[in-house]
Protein backbone atom coordinates (compact mmCIF):
# COMPACT_ATOMS: atom_id res chain seq x y z
CA UNK A 1 16.93 -50.66 -36.82
CA UNK A 2 18.61 -52.77 -34.12
CA UNK A 3 17.02 -55.55 -32.21
CA UNK A 4 16.82 -53.29 -29.13
CA UNK A 5 13.96 -51.41 -30.71
CA UNK A 6 10.74 -53.40 -30.80
CA UNK A 7 9.70 -54.42 -34.29
CA UNK A 8 6.30 -52.76 -34.02
CA UNK A 9 7.03 -49.58 -35.95
CA UNK A 10 3.83 -49.75 -38.00
CA UNK A 11 1.70 -49.96 -34.86
CA UNK A 12 3.69 -47.16 -33.22
CA UNK A 13 3.34 -45.00 -36.31
CA UNK A 14 -0.44 -45.46 -36.33
CA UNK A 15 -0.49 -44.28 -32.71
CA UNK A 16 1.66 -41.24 -33.46
CA UNK A 17 4.63 -42.85 -31.72
CA UNK A 18 8.21 -43.82 -32.54
CA UNK A 19 10.80 -45.90 -30.65
CA UNK A 20 14.49 -45.12 -30.32
CA UNK A 21 17.79 -46.27 -28.84
CA UNK A 22 20.33 -43.61 -27.83
CA UNK A 23 23.96 -44.59 -27.33
CA UNK A 24 25.32 -41.95 -24.95
CA UNK A 25 29.00 -42.67 -25.66
CA UNK A 26 28.70 -42.11 -29.42
CA UNK A 27 25.65 -39.78 -29.11
CA UNK A 28 23.96 -41.79 -31.89
CA UNK A 29 20.17 -42.19 -31.86
CA UNK A 30 18.59 -45.01 -33.85
CA UNK A 31 14.89 -44.57 -34.58
CA UNK A 32 12.15 -46.93 -35.64
CA UNK A 33 11.20 -46.78 -39.34
CA UNK A 34 8.33 -44.29 -39.03
CA UNK A 35 9.89 -41.57 -36.85
CA UNK A 36 9.01 -39.13 -39.63
CA UNK A 37 5.31 -39.61 -38.79
CA UNK A 38 6.01 -38.07 -35.39
CA UNK A 39 8.58 -35.43 -36.30
CA UNK A 40 6.92 -33.95 -39.37
CA UNK A 41 8.92 -31.36 -41.34
CA UNK A 42 12.12 -32.30 -39.44
CA UNK A 43 14.89 -34.01 -41.50
CA UNK A 44 15.82 -37.38 -40.02
CA UNK A 45 19.48 -36.35 -40.13
CA UNK A 46 18.79 -33.88 -37.31
CA UNK A 47 17.30 -36.67 -35.23
CA UNK A 48 20.28 -39.03 -35.52
CA UNK A 49 22.50 -37.47 -32.86
CA UNK A 50 21.59 -36.34 -29.36
CA UNK A 51 23.34 -32.98 -29.72
CA UNK A 52 21.56 -32.20 -33.00
CA UNK A 53 18.21 -33.31 -31.62
CA UNK A 54 18.72 -31.04 -28.57
CA UNK A 55 18.88 -27.95 -30.82
CA UNK A 56 15.26 -28.59 -31.84
CA UNK A 57 13.93 -28.78 -28.26
CA UNK A 58 12.04 -25.99 -26.48
CA UNK A 59 11.97 -24.46 -23.96
CA UNK A 60 15.22 -26.00 -22.56
CA UNK A 61 17.57 -27.84 -24.91
CA UNK A 62 19.16 -29.83 -22.07
CA UNK A 63 15.88 -31.30 -20.82
CA UNK A 64 16.67 -34.86 -22.06
CA UNK A 65 20.18 -35.07 -20.60
CA UNK A 66 19.08 -33.32 -17.37
CA UNK A 67 16.41 -35.92 -16.62
CA UNK A 68 18.96 -38.72 -16.96
CA UNK A 69 21.36 -37.10 -14.52
CA UNK A 70 18.65 -36.13 -12.02
CA UNK A 71 16.93 -39.53 -11.69
CA UNK A 72 18.67 -41.90 -9.25
CA UNK A 73 20.02 -45.01 -11.01
CA UNK A 74 18.33 -48.37 -10.59
CA UNK A 75 20.92 -51.05 -11.09
CA UNK A 76 19.79 -54.14 -12.92
CA UNK A 77 18.72 -55.26 -16.33
CA UNK A 78 15.46 -53.23 -16.26
CA UNK A 79 17.24 -49.87 -16.09
CA UNK A 80 16.01 -46.56 -14.61
CA UNK A 81 12.59 -45.28 -15.79
CA UNK A 82 11.97 -41.63 -16.68
CA UNK A 83 9.32 -39.45 -18.32
CA UNK A 84 9.59 -35.91 -19.78
CA UNK A 85 7.65 -33.50 -21.99
CA UNK A 86 9.09 -30.96 -24.39
CA UNK A 87 8.39 -29.19 -27.67
CA UNK A 88 10.33 -29.55 -30.93
CA UNK A 89 10.41 -27.58 -34.19
CA UNK A 90 12.84 -26.94 -37.01
CA UNK A 91 12.46 -23.13 -36.96
CA UNK A 92 10.33 -20.31 -35.56
CA UNK A 93 8.28 -20.41 -38.77
CA UNK A 94 7.08 -23.97 -38.16
CA UNK A 95 4.54 -25.08 -35.54
CA UNK A 96 5.73 -26.46 -32.21
CA UNK A 97 5.17 -30.21 -31.79
CA UNK A 98 4.67 -31.29 -28.19
CA UNK A 99 6.33 -34.60 -27.38
CA UNK A 100 5.93 -36.98 -24.45
CA UNK A 101 9.02 -39.20 -24.04
CA UNK A 102 9.04 -42.26 -21.77
CA UNK A 103 11.87 -44.75 -21.46
CA UNK A 104 14.65 -46.27 -19.38
CA UNK A 105 18.33 -45.54 -19.17
CA UNK A 106 21.00 -48.04 -18.38
CA UNK A 107 24.19 -47.29 -16.49
CA UNK A 108 27.70 -48.04 -17.72
CA UNK A 109 30.60 -49.41 -15.58
CA UNK A 110 31.05 -45.95 -14.03
CA UNK A 111 27.41 -45.82 -12.93
CA UNK A 112 26.56 -42.98 -15.32
CA UNK A 113 23.98 -43.22 -18.15
CA UNK A 114 25.35 -45.24 -21.03
CA UNK A 115 22.35 -46.17 -23.12
CA UNK A 116 18.73 -44.98 -23.36
CA UNK A 117 15.78 -46.86 -24.80
CA UNK A 118 12.36 -45.31 -25.12
CA UNK A 119 9.29 -44.19 -27.04
CA UNK A 120 8.18 -40.69 -28.07
CA UNK A 121 4.64 -39.75 -28.94
CA UNK A 122 2.84 -36.64 -30.10
CA UNK A 123 1.08 -34.96 -27.17
CA UNK A 124 -0.35 -31.80 -28.77
CA UNK A 125 -3.94 -32.44 -27.70
CA UNK A 126 -3.13 -32.96 -24.04
CA UNK A 127 -0.77 -30.01 -23.96
CA UNK A 128 -3.39 -27.81 -25.63
CA UNK A 129 -5.87 -28.92 -22.97
CA UNK A 130 -3.39 -28.11 -20.21
CA UNK A 131 -2.69 -24.74 -21.79
CA UNK A 132 -6.42 -24.06 -22.00
CA UNK A 133 -6.91 -24.96 -18.33
CA UNK A 134 -4.00 -22.71 -17.41
CA UNK A 135 -5.49 -19.91 -19.48
CA UNK A 136 -8.85 -20.33 -17.72
CA UNK A 137 -7.10 -20.20 -14.36
CA UNK A 138 -5.37 -16.93 -15.26
CA UNK A 139 -7.94 -15.17 -17.41
CA UNK A 140 -11.48 -13.87 -17.15
CA UNK A 141 -13.73 -16.29 -19.08
CA UNK A 142 -15.93 -13.55 -20.58
CA UNK A 143 -13.33 -11.10 -21.89
CA UNK A 144 -10.16 -13.18 -22.05
CA UNK A 145 -8.36 -10.48 -20.02
CA UNK A 146 -6.26 -11.41 -17.01
CA UNK A 147 -8.33 -12.17 -13.94
CA UNK A 148 -7.96 -10.07 -10.81
CA UNK A 149 -5.38 -12.29 -9.12
CA UNK A 150 -3.02 -12.34 -12.08
CA UNK A 151 -3.65 -8.66 -12.87
CA UNK A 152 -2.46 -7.74 -9.36
CA UNK A 153 0.55 -10.03 -9.75
CA UNK A 154 1.38 -8.41 -13.10
CA UNK A 155 1.01 -4.95 -11.53
CA UNK A 156 3.40 -5.84 -8.70
CA UNK A 157 5.92 -7.13 -11.25
CA UNK A 158 5.53 -4.00 -13.42
CA UNK A 159 6.11 -1.66 -10.43
CA UNK A 160 9.17 -3.64 -9.35
CA UNK A 161 10.54 -3.53 -12.89
CA UNK A 162 9.88 0.21 -13.17
CA UNK A 163 11.76 0.81 -9.91
CA UNK A 164 14.68 -1.33 -11.04
CA UNK A 165 15.08 0.30 -14.46
CA UNK A 166 13.98 3.79 -13.32
CA UNK A 167 11.07 4.47 -15.64
CA UNK A 168 7.41 5.30 -15.09
CA UNK A 169 4.42 3.11 -15.69
CA UNK A 170 0.74 3.81 -15.14
CA UNK A 171 -2.08 1.86 -13.56
CA UNK A 172 -5.66 2.68 -14.52
CA UNK A 173 -9.02 1.51 -13.25
CA UNK A 174 -11.61 1.82 -16.01
CA UNK A 175 -15.20 1.63 -14.76
CA UNK A 176 -18.23 1.09 -17.00
CA UNK A 177 -20.68 3.77 -15.84
CA UNK A 178 -24.16 2.71 -14.69
CA UNK A 179 -23.74 -0.96 -15.60
CA UNK A 180 -26.36 -1.85 -12.97
CA UNK A 181 -28.92 0.19 -14.93
CA UNK A 182 -28.10 -1.78 -18.08
CA UNK A 183 -28.57 -5.01 -16.10
CA UNK A 184 -31.96 -3.85 -14.87
CA UNK A 185 -33.14 -2.45 -18.19
CA UNK A 186 -31.97 -5.18 -20.57
CA UNK A 187 -30.79 -8.19 -18.56
CA UNK A 188 -27.46 -9.74 -17.70
CA UNK A 189 -26.82 -11.14 -21.19
CA UNK A 190 -26.89 -7.64 -22.67
CA UNK A 191 -24.69 -6.36 -19.85
CA UNK A 192 -22.20 -9.14 -20.63
CA UNK A 193 -22.22 -8.07 -24.28
CA UNK A 194 -21.43 -4.52 -23.19
CA UNK A 195 -18.57 -5.69 -20.94
CA UNK A 196 -17.09 -7.81 -23.75
CA UNK A 197 -17.35 -4.97 -26.30
CA UNK A 198 -15.72 -2.46 -23.95
CA UNK A 199 -12.87 -4.90 -23.28
CA UNK A 200 -12.32 -5.32 -27.02
CA UNK A 201 -12.31 -1.56 -27.63
CA UNK A 202 -9.78 -0.97 -24.86
CA UNK A 203 -7.60 -3.88 -26.00
CA UNK A 204 -7.56 -2.49 -29.56
CA UNK A 205 -6.12 0.79 -28.22
CA UNK A 206 -3.35 -0.70 -26.08
CA UNK A 207 0.30 -0.68 -27.07
CA UNK A 208 2.40 -3.80 -27.26
CA UNK A 209 3.42 -4.86 -23.76
CA UNK A 210 0.49 -3.15 -22.03
CA UNK A 211 -1.71 -5.38 -19.87
CA UNK A 212 -5.52 -5.58 -19.63
CA UNK A 213 -7.24 -7.31 -16.72
CA UNK A 214 -10.78 -7.71 -15.40
CA UNK A 215 -10.61 -6.17 -11.93
CA UNK A 216 -14.26 -6.66 -10.96
CA UNK A 217 -17.73 -6.85 -12.49
CA UNK A 218 -17.72 -3.39 -14.05
CA UNK A 219 -14.03 -2.47 -13.77
CA UNK A 220 -10.95 -3.18 -15.84
CA UNK A 221 -7.37 -2.68 -14.73
CA UNK A 222 -4.76 -1.44 -17.21
CA UNK A 223 -0.99 -1.56 -16.78
CA UNK A 224 0.72 0.83 -19.20
CA UNK A 225 4.46 0.21 -19.14
CA UNK A 226 7.05 2.91 -19.83
CA UNK A 227 4.30 5.53 -19.64
CA UNK A 228 4.85 9.16 -18.62
CA UNK A 229 2.16 11.35 -17.06
CA UNK A 230 1.47 12.98 -20.43
CA UNK A 231 1.29 9.56 -22.11
CA UNK A 232 -1.13 8.44 -19.40
CA UNK A 233 -3.43 11.40 -20.01
CA UNK A 234 -3.38 10.84 -23.77
CA UNK A 235 -4.08 7.12 -23.33
CA UNK A 236 -7.02 7.82 -21.01
CA UNK A 237 -8.57 10.17 -23.58
CA UNK A 238 -8.05 7.50 -26.24
CA UNK A 239 -9.96 4.96 -24.13
CA UNK A 240 -12.73 7.41 -23.20
CA UNK A 241 -13.26 8.38 -26.82
CA UNK A 242 -13.12 4.80 -28.05
CA UNK A 243 -15.99 3.86 -25.78
CA UNK A 244 -18.04 7.05 -25.94
CA UNK A 245 -18.08 7.78 -29.66
CA UNK A 246 -19.93 4.66 -30.80
CA UNK A 247 -22.93 2.90 -29.26
CA UNK A 248 -22.56 -0.74 -28.31
CA UNK A 249 -24.65 -3.07 -30.54
CA UNK A 250 -26.51 -5.76 -28.56
CA UNK A 251 -29.30 -8.23 -29.19
CA UNK A 252 -31.70 -5.77 -27.54
CA UNK A 253 -30.56 -2.85 -29.65
CA UNK A 254 -27.82 -0.25 -29.37
CA UNK A 255 -26.72 0.82 -25.89
CA UNK A 256 -24.90 4.10 -25.20
CA UNK A 257 -22.05 3.55 -22.75
CA UNK A 258 -19.38 5.68 -21.11
CA UNK A 259 -16.49 4.78 -18.84
CA UNK A 260 -14.80 6.70 -16.04
CA UNK A 261 -11.08 6.32 -15.36
CA UNK A 262 -8.91 6.76 -12.29
CA UNK A 263 -5.16 6.55 -12.85
CA UNK A 264 -1.90 6.73 -10.95
CA UNK A 265 1.73 7.00 -12.03
CA UNK A 266 4.01 4.41 -10.48
CA UNK A 267 6.42 4.08 -8.81
CA UNK A 268 6.36 7.85 -8.26
CA UNK A 269 3.05 7.83 -6.37
CA UNK A 270 2.71 4.13 -5.49
CA UNK A 271 5.48 1.70 -4.68
CA UNK A 272 3.34 -1.41 -4.27
CA UNK A 273 0.39 -2.99 -6.03
CA UNK A 274 -1.91 -2.46 -3.04
CA UNK A 275 -1.03 1.22 -2.83
CA UNK A 276 -1.54 1.69 -6.56
CA UNK A 277 -4.94 -0.03 -6.49
CA UNK A 278 -6.17 1.91 -3.45
CA UNK A 279 -5.15 5.25 -4.92
CA UNK A 280 -6.54 4.42 -8.37
CA UNK A 281 -9.84 3.50 -6.67
CA UNK A 282 -9.85 6.77 -4.79
CA UNK A 283 -9.18 8.73 -7.97
CA UNK A 284 -11.82 6.80 -9.89
CA UNK A 285 -14.39 7.69 -7.23
CA UNK A 286 -13.41 11.35 -7.57
CA UNK A 287 -13.81 11.18 -11.36
CA UNK A 288 -17.26 9.59 -11.06
CA UNK A 289 -18.38 12.20 -8.51
CA UNK A 290 -17.42 14.94 -10.94
CA UNK A 291 -19.35 13.38 -13.82
CA UNK A 292 -19.71 10.06 -15.61
CA UNK A 293 -17.31 9.53 -18.48
CA UNK A 294 -14.42 11.52 -17.01
CA UNK A 295 -10.78 10.93 -16.11
CA UNK A 296 -8.78 11.82 -13.01
CA UNK A 297 -5.21 11.15 -11.99
CA UNK A 298 -3.95 10.77 -8.44
CA UNK A 299 -1.95 13.62 -6.96
CA UNK A 300 -0.71 14.23 -3.42
CA UNK A 301 -3.18 16.26 -1.36
CA UNK A 302 -2.18 17.67 2.01
CA UNK A 303 -5.76 18.41 3.11
CA UNK A 304 -6.96 14.92 2.18
CA UNK A 305 -4.10 13.29 4.06
CA UNK A 306 -4.77 15.48 7.08
CA UNK A 307 -8.47 14.56 6.99
CA UNK A 308 -7.56 10.88 6.88
CA UNK A 309 -5.41 11.28 9.95
CA UNK A 310 -8.37 12.94 11.66
CA UNK A 311 -10.64 10.10 10.54
CA UNK A 312 -8.25 7.53 11.97
CA UNK A 313 -7.98 9.41 15.25
CA UNK A 314 -11.74 9.94 15.58
CA UNK A 315 -12.45 6.33 14.63
CA UNK A 316 -10.12 5.14 17.36
CA UNK A 317 -11.75 7.55 19.81
CA UNK A 318 -15.24 6.36 18.92
CA UNK A 319 -14.39 2.68 19.33
CA UNK A 320 -12.55 3.31 22.59
CA UNK A 321 -15.35 5.52 23.92
CA UNK A 322 -17.93 2.85 23.10
CA UNK A 323 -15.90 0.25 24.97
CA UNK A 324 -15.38 2.57 27.93
CA UNK A 325 -18.98 3.84 28.01
CA UNK A 326 -17.94 7.43 27.24
CA UNK A 327 -20.67 7.93 24.64
CA UNK A 328 -23.30 10.05 26.41
CA UNK A 329 -26.28 12.23 25.52
CA UNK A 330 -27.20 15.87 25.93
CA UNK A 331 -30.79 17.11 25.86
CA UNK A 332 -32.07 20.02 23.77
CA UNK A 333 -35.62 21.28 24.36
CA UNK A 334 -38.20 21.37 21.58
CA UNK A 335 -41.13 23.66 22.44
CA UNK A 336 -44.57 24.33 21.06
CA UNK A 337 -44.39 27.47 18.96
CA UNK A 338 -47.61 28.98 20.28
CA UNK A 339 -47.19 28.39 24.03
CA UNK A 340 -43.42 27.85 24.42
CA UNK A 341 -44.02 24.91 26.75
CA UNK A 342 -41.68 21.94 26.23
CA UNK A 343 -43.05 19.19 24.00
CA UNK A 344 -40.03 16.87 24.17
CA UNK A 345 -36.22 16.86 24.32
CA UNK A 346 -33.93 15.82 21.49
CA UNK A 347 -31.10 13.53 22.66
CA UNK A 348 -27.84 14.53 21.01
CA UNK A 349 -24.79 12.25 21.04
CA UNK A 350 -21.64 13.38 22.82
CA UNK A 351 -18.22 11.77 23.22
CA UNK A 352 -16.33 12.52 26.42
CA UNK A 353 -12.57 12.54 25.79
CA UNK A 354 -9.85 11.59 28.26
CA UNK A 355 -8.70 15.20 28.49
CA UNK A 356 -12.13 16.38 29.62
CA UNK A 357 -13.15 17.85 26.26
CA UNK A 358 -16.38 16.77 24.59
CA UNK A 359 -16.89 15.96 20.89
CA UNK A 360 -20.29 17.00 19.54
CA UNK A 361 -22.51 15.15 17.08
CA UNK A 362 -21.14 16.98 13.96
CA UNK A 363 -17.67 15.73 14.92
CA UNK A 364 -18.83 12.15 15.45
CA UNK A 365 -21.72 11.22 13.17
CA UNK A 366 -20.27 11.96 9.68
CA UNK A 367 -17.08 10.01 10.43
CA UNK A 368 -19.03 7.18 12.04
CA UNK A 369 -21.25 6.94 8.94
CA UNK A 370 -18.33 6.97 6.50
CA UNK A 371 -16.45 4.31 8.40
CA UNK A 372 -19.35 2.02 9.23
CA UNK A 373 -19.46 2.74 12.98
CA UNK A 374 -22.78 4.57 13.06
CA UNK A 375 -24.79 1.46 13.95
CA UNK A 376 -22.68 0.92 17.05
CA UNK A 377 -23.12 4.55 18.07
CA UNK A 378 -26.87 4.42 17.39
CA UNK A 379 -27.17 1.24 19.44
CA UNK A 380 -25.47 2.84 22.43
CA UNK A 381 -27.65 5.96 22.19
CA UNK A 382 -30.74 3.74 22.04
CA UNK A 383 -29.70 2.08 25.30
CA UNK A 384 -29.21 5.46 26.97
CA UNK A 385 -32.49 6.94 25.74
CA UNK A 386 -34.61 3.94 26.68
CA UNK A 387 -32.96 3.94 30.13
CA UNK A 388 -33.86 7.63 30.54
CA UNK A 389 -37.48 7.02 29.51
CA UNK A 390 -37.78 3.99 31.77
CA UNK A 391 -36.31 5.94 34.70
CA UNK A 392 -38.47 9.06 34.17
CA UNK A 393 -42.09 8.33 33.17
CA UNK A 394 -42.71 12.05 32.67
CA UNK A 395 -39.97 12.45 30.04
CA UNK A 396 -40.57 12.58 26.28
CA UNK A 397 -37.43 12.15 24.17
CA UNK A 398 -36.31 11.85 20.58
CA UNK A 399 -33.21 10.09 19.28
CA UNK A 400 -31.45 10.32 15.93
CA UNK A 401 -30.53 7.28 13.85
CA UNK A 402 -28.97 6.87 10.44
CA UNK A 403 -30.97 5.30 7.58
CA UNK A 404 -28.33 2.54 7.59
CA UNK A 405 -29.33 1.67 11.15
CA UNK A 406 -32.95 1.16 10.14
CA UNK A 407 -31.73 -1.74 7.98
CA UNK A 408 -29.83 -3.33 10.87
CA UNK A 409 -31.71 -6.37 12.25
CA UNK A 410 -29.63 -6.26 15.45
CA UNK A 411 -30.72 -2.68 16.17
CA UNK A 412 -34.33 -3.56 15.50
CA UNK A 413 -34.15 -6.64 17.72
CA UNK A 414 -32.70 -4.45 20.49
CA UNK A 415 -35.39 -1.79 20.34
CA UNK A 416 -38.12 -4.42 20.12
CA UNK A 417 -36.74 -6.17 23.19
CA UNK A 418 -36.44 -2.90 25.11
CA UNK A 419 -39.96 -1.81 24.20
CA UNK A 420 -41.40 -5.06 25.48
CA UNK A 421 -39.27 -4.90 28.63
CA UNK A 422 -40.38 -1.34 29.43
CA UNK A 423 -44.10 -0.84 28.73
CA UNK A 424 -45.04 2.80 28.18
CA UNK A 425 -41.63 3.79 26.81
CA UNK A 426 -42.52 3.50 23.13
CA UNK A 427 -45.34 6.08 23.36
CA UNK A 428 -42.87 8.68 24.70
CA UNK A 429 -40.20 8.05 22.08
CA UNK A 430 -39.69 9.87 18.78
CA UNK A 431 -37.21 8.32 16.34
CA UNK A 432 -35.59 10.89 14.06
CA UNK A 433 -34.11 9.49 10.84
CA UNK A 434 -31.22 11.68 9.74
CA UNK A 435 -30.49 12.47 6.10
CA UNK A 436 -26.73 12.75 6.16
CA UNK A 437 -26.63 9.63 3.97
CA UNK A 438 -29.00 8.67 1.18
CA UNK A 439 -31.94 6.40 1.92
CA UNK A 440 -31.20 3.36 -0.24
CA UNK A 441 -34.50 1.47 -0.10
CA UNK A 442 -37.61 3.48 0.64
CA UNK A 443 -39.80 0.35 0.87
CA UNK A 444 -37.59 -1.24 3.54
CA UNK A 445 -37.56 2.02 5.47
CA UNK A 446 -41.35 2.17 5.22
CA UNK A 447 -41.54 -1.26 6.86
CA UNK A 448 -39.29 -0.05 9.67
CA UNK A 449 -41.46 3.05 10.20
CA UNK A 450 -44.64 0.95 10.26
CA UNK A 451 -43.28 -1.43 12.90
CA UNK A 452 -42.16 1.41 15.15
CA UNK A 453 -45.50 3.16 14.84
CA UNK A 454 -47.22 -0.09 15.75
CA UNK A 455 -45.37 0.12 19.08
CA UNK A 456 -46.76 3.63 19.55
CA UNK A 457 -43.61 5.63 18.72
CA UNK A 458 -43.59 8.61 16.40
CA UNK A 459 -41.25 9.10 13.43
CA UNK A 460 -39.52 12.29 12.33
CA UNK A 461 -37.34 13.11 9.33
CA UNK A 462 -34.43 15.26 10.49
CA UNK A 463 -32.76 18.08 8.49
CA UNK A 464 -35.52 18.10 5.88
CA UNK A 465 -34.71 20.30 2.90
CA UNK A 466 -30.98 19.62 2.94
CA UNK A 467 -31.11 15.86 2.42
CA UNK A 468 -32.52 13.37 -0.05
CA UNK A 469 -36.16 12.86 0.98
CA UNK A 470 -38.95 14.34 -1.13
CA UNK A 471 -42.49 15.14 -0.02
CA UNK A 472 -43.64 12.16 -2.05
CA UNK A 473 -41.46 9.91 0.07
CA UNK A 474 -42.69 11.60 3.24
CA UNK A 475 -46.23 10.63 2.34
CA UNK A 476 -45.13 7.11 1.38
CA UNK A 477 -43.25 6.65 4.65
CA UNK A 478 -46.08 7.97 6.80
CA UNK A 479 -43.84 10.05 9.06
CA UNK A 480 -45.36 12.15 11.84
CA UNK A 481 -42.92 15.06 12.02
CA UNK A 482 -40.66 16.96 9.63
CA UNK A 483 -37.74 18.88 11.11
CA UNK A 484 -36.84 21.78 8.82
CA UNK A 485 -33.08 22.06 8.39
CA UNK A 486 -31.66 24.92 10.45
CA UNK A 487 -29.65 26.27 7.52
CA UNK A 488 -32.94 27.64 6.14
CA UNK A 489 -34.15 28.90 9.54
CA UNK A 490 -31.19 30.66 11.15
CA UNK A 491 -31.37 33.68 8.78
CA UNK A 492 -35.15 33.67 8.42
CA UNK A 493 -35.55 37.28 9.58
CA UNK A 494 -33.06 38.55 6.98
CA UNK A 495 -33.47 36.26 3.97
CA UNK A 496 -36.44 36.55 1.63
CA UNK A 497 -35.49 33.28 -0.10
CA UNK A 498 -35.34 31.37 3.19
CA UNK A 499 -38.72 32.78 4.25
CA UNK A 500 -40.33 31.68 1.00
CA UNK A 501 -38.77 28.24 1.23
CA UNK A 502 -39.67 27.57 4.87
CA UNK A 503 -43.22 28.88 4.49
CA UNK A 504 -43.75 26.61 1.49
CA UNK A 505 -42.44 23.60 3.41
CA UNK A 506 -44.78 24.28 6.32
CA UNK A 507 -47.80 24.68 4.01
CA UNK A 508 -47.03 21.42 2.18
CA UNK A 509 -46.53 19.58 5.47
CA UNK A 510 -49.87 20.89 6.76
CA UNK A 511 -51.62 19.55 3.66
CA UNK A 512 -50.07 16.15 4.35
CA UNK A 513 -51.07 16.40 8.03
CA UNK A 514 -47.43 16.23 9.11
CA UNK A 515 -46.23 18.30 12.05
CA UNK A 516 -43.20 20.59 11.64
CA UNK A 517 -40.23 21.52 13.80
CA UNK A 518 -38.01 24.48 12.90
CA UNK A 519 -34.38 23.98 13.98
CA UNK A 520 -31.76 26.64 14.83
CA UNK A 521 -34.25 29.36 15.73
CA UNK A 522 -32.10 32.35 16.74
CA UNK A 523 -34.44 35.28 17.48
CA UNK A 524 -37.98 36.28 18.36
CA UNK A 525 -38.66 37.73 14.93
CA UNK A 526 -38.04 34.33 13.32
CA UNK A 527 -40.13 32.62 15.99
CA UNK A 528 -42.99 35.03 15.29
CA UNK A 529 -42.89 34.29 11.56
CA UNK A 530 -42.88 30.55 12.22
CA UNK A 531 -45.87 30.86 14.55
CA UNK A 532 -47.69 32.96 11.96
CA UNK A 533 -47.10 30.30 9.29
CA UNK A 534 -48.33 27.50 11.54
CA UNK A 535 -45.05 25.74 12.44
CA UNK A 536 -45.85 23.39 15.33
CA UNK A 537 -42.54 23.33 17.23
CA UNK A 538 -39.27 25.29 17.41
CA UNK A 539 -35.83 24.63 18.88
CA UNK A 540 -32.49 26.39 18.89
CA UNK A 541 -30.51 29.11 20.67
CA UNK A 542 -33.63 31.18 21.38
CA UNK A 543 -35.17 28.30 23.32
CA UNK A 544 -32.00 26.82 24.85
CA UNK A 545 -29.11 24.68 23.66
CA UNK A 546 -28.40 21.09 24.62
CA UNK A 547 -27.07 20.31 28.08
CA UNK A 548 -26.41 17.25 30.22
CA UNK A 549 -29.04 18.30 32.79
CA UNK A 550 -32.42 16.63 32.90
CA UNK A 551 -35.03 19.37 33.31
CA UNK A 552 -37.81 16.86 33.91
CA UNK A 553 -36.14 15.82 37.17
CA UNK A 554 -35.86 17.76 40.42
CA UNK A 555 -32.45 19.39 40.97
CA UNK A 556 -31.44 16.86 43.61
CA UNK A 557 -32.03 13.97 41.19
CA UNK A 558 -29.76 15.16 38.35
CA UNK A 559 -27.80 11.91 38.07
CA UNK A 560 -27.22 9.48 35.26
CA UNK A 561 -29.45 6.41 35.28
CA UNK A 562 -27.76 3.04 35.59
CA UNK A 563 -27.21 1.50 32.20
CA UNK A 564 -25.51 -1.87 31.62
């Protein structure tokens, strides 16, 4: 050992360190006496020359010489400082030793590195900690699978690679069915056990090179490389069976679990990660609608694509019409069955198009509900109806709203403000809650109904018999009126089944002291049957269809009221 290396080798060895001097010209490295304590299992002969030492370094053998060339020289007796990290090992069968090297290099007459003096130390613990932090940043902490961000990045890379090398890969979304029920029944710890077990079962059935990621709370994403359509189908069945055939053991006992899978072949049907994810989601939803525990694969669908174009067009029309105040109402009479005098008018939404045509409620409401626009439409109709009632004290009107709107605090604040601003309006208003979408929280809806009734308004359930509400919920909600869906009424005179159904509905409503309205009444024979059974009100073609006229006003006053 030369005098350039500090004579503290015993201290360095105890710290897992060794000192060295490297003569660049001769490529000779001289180490302190206990270098073997750092480089275990590596013969000292392989440490004595820079070129030999470089063959042991991972991941880049040139890392030591590169750092010398890249750091700008500091002229003077103190040399130029540097610091690098690298791994060393004698062969792939031996463990990698992570090394931190700090030192200074000194320039020769030509200004290039001539001599290096430094210290190396074992840095396995720190590197393991860094690796662990990196793993946590990239992986889901519960399952150890890739997290969503890195799953999407891996999917984008897999699609790009498949395009470049012209092969197919598959992307799957695997959803644990009814995980929310497991949460509610057993608690989140049991649900976590289920998620972990499902991840392990899927991982055990993957091929080498396939990727598993946690896409969301109850969904996993799978990237199956070099996977044909047939391979994809076989893999999906393997995953379904692996989950379905054995119950999941938990601390609360065994839990039966199934998964549903939506899959897409890329790049054939998706040329980007976003496209693959959206279409896999769509296919997963289709599989779950069919039944829990099933598999579906995405295929082109002309009708679906056409419907989406219609949805986009109608959505644009709805938003534009709202901004331009082209959402209007038409009025359909509802009469007392026994006397045929008008009890009230139902306000039906209409959209006036630029070309003079008019879109009716069936063209507007379903799309508005699917795309989250129904609250805006309902708010505009509320403004129009309250304006009508305020302008015509003799009018009695009903308006339709979606169950989603009943949960909207902005809509409620608006109707409350309007009711207070126009005394006497609430008593002449009937709010009809449509059943085109499922009522999510019956208790919240009950609170909405109670508040409206406190103002003096009446509540009706529209399209009863075709939706989701049961008679038990009718009683719980305390509604005033049930409107029997017209699909059961329009063929009343010819259908024995419809007669039995409608008569039973009317009898049950009478027992609950709820009034009934029969929709879509087409003929006198049906009207006579409804009167005989005790139906309170009827509406439909027999009585008169909706129109923009306001029958409660004199002919010379048939103008729209001013609405802001």
